[in-house]
Amino acid sequence: MGSKIYVVRHAESVHNVTKDFSILDPSLTELGFKQASEVVSTFPDPSLVAVVITSPLRRALETTLTAFQHVLDKRYFNEKFKGGVENGAELIIDPDLQERSDLPCDTGSSDERLQESFPQLNFEGLGQWQAKQGLFAADDTAVEARAIRARKRLGVLSEQLEGKEKKNVVVVTHGVFMKFLTTDAEIDLPKAGWQVYNVEATEGSYGLHPAT
């Protein structure tokens, strides 16, 4: 059996509550951190997770480090975000997973600001993802292309993990972008909720299909 792909929605963020979409790259609320921390006791088969891939938006990073503190390798944690395990899962920051729109709330902080907030993480080589132009534009064509790239990486990763004890992958992303990623316009996960998929190759591309 191949990898299971867990598509996870970030926990509650400040702009989800205030409806102030002019806040640049908002953080989680107190409830959001609580929602994320509850994943530690509810997420299935954490020992089988090989890789956690996250959007670089602040609320996704905070969700990832809080919800998967029992899964990720200890090198990704510090005094602020405590946790991590020996020989834990790899963390990948993928700008293709950022939210769709170019509103301030869906626009990322500078790499320098993120490095200040998360000094234990590596933000090098992500490109000009905060600009919301070109590869990272907010129009449907660019966003669909992002989703295709993300699914391809998941497909290749799943193939690389085949036969290994740790073979599952977690993807932490956003409510609108996951509609593109899963090609399911009706998906509407709760904050810090997840859905399980299998990734399959079809005519040179990759698709996500709900796991049975």
Foldseek 3Di string as FASTA:
>chain_A
DFAKEKEWEFFAWPCVPVVPLQAALTAHDPVRLVLLQVLCVVPPPLVQAAEEEEEPRRRGVSSCLRNNLAAAAQLQDDPVRDHHDHNGHYYHHANLQFDQALGNNRAHDDPVVVCVVRVSDDPPPRPPLRVLDDCNPNDPVSNLVSLQVVLQVVVVLRVVQPPPSRGYYYYYHHQCSVCSNQVPRPDGAHHRGIFIWDWDDDPNTIHTDGDD
